[in-house]
Amino acid sequence: MGAILAYVFHRIYLLFLSKLKNKTVTSLLLCFLVFLLLIIPGIFLIKTLVEESFVLYALTKQKLATGFFSNCENAFCQALRDFSKDPDINYKIQEIFKATTSTIIKQGTGFLIGIPRLFVNLFVVFASMFYFLKDGEKVEQHISHFLILKERKFNFITTRLKEIVHGVVYGYLLVALLQGALGAIGFLLFGISSPFFWGVVMAFLALIPAVGTAVIWVPASIFLLLDGIFQNSNFLIYKGAGLFIYGLAIVGSIDNILKPKLIGERAKVHPLVVILGILGGLIFLGPLGVIIGPLVLSLTLVVIEAYFHVEDN
């Protein structure tokens, strides 16, 4: 990840280096700026999501105690009330809520326990980024000597590697921006306050592996749905259901449809390789595997191609 960040911000590094004339100072400054760029929005988003989750949790707990449908009289609400009167259904709802509460507590505790490890990981990422920025050219030369490749083959591999990294970064950024824009449009259409702000939040979350935009539009649709139930408003209920369908069919699905195609075209790699890389990376490497997986699999194919199809000088 440090190497990928160094590649992404390499042009900015060269621009700063032309002004500062010192590789160490330039690398440190850029690492610090990227750290702020990633961490400050991340802290703000976590704070916002925790607050919203707590509100939803408190509201659900209160309604479970007093009865979800005690004060609403619309047809949809009455149907849900009749459905929930079944003892088995009511028991299932209680169990689901208990399981959800336990999961939230477990995940929250795991996150707090994992904070020291998170800081270690961040240190490794930015230390790697610093040295890749500062000594990237030397690293490339050492790799060339280590692989003992002919110049034509090594140039082919490095060129394709740059195309693949550029394609992966380009694909993830473009899809994230598109998801954020579509999310903002959906929030605007369905009457959610601050649609532009939430669109920016969704775009940022779309870049985080295994998180995605659903963290925002699913609670928003639930809020609308519950608001409609408690206010006896069929209109709000339909809006909540509509926002959920919109988020699932448009905002959520575009990630699976466009990302392999965009990355494949930009990186000159078959979309199937990208899909297998994403899924395989997720299974073997966890959340970061959705980025690293396509890079590793694509580079493996490039190395094989270089050995079998690129002629020596």
Foldseek 3Di string as FASTA:
>chain_A
DLLLVLLVCLVVLVVVCVVPVDLLVSLVVVLVVVCCVQVVVVVVLVVVLVVLVVVVLVVVVVCLVVPLQPQADAPVSVVVNVVCVPPVNVVVVVVVSVVVVVVVVVVVVVVVVCPVVVVVVSVVSSVSNSCCSRCVVVVLVVVCVVVVDFPQLSVLLVVLLSQLSVLLVVLQLVLLLVLLVLQLVLCVVLVNPPSNVLSVVQSSQSSFFPGHSCSPQVSVLVVQLSVCSNVNHPSSNVSSVVSVCSCVVPSVVCSVVRSLVSSCVRSVHHSVLLVCQLVVLCVPPNRCSNRVRSSVSSSVVSSVCSVPPPDHD
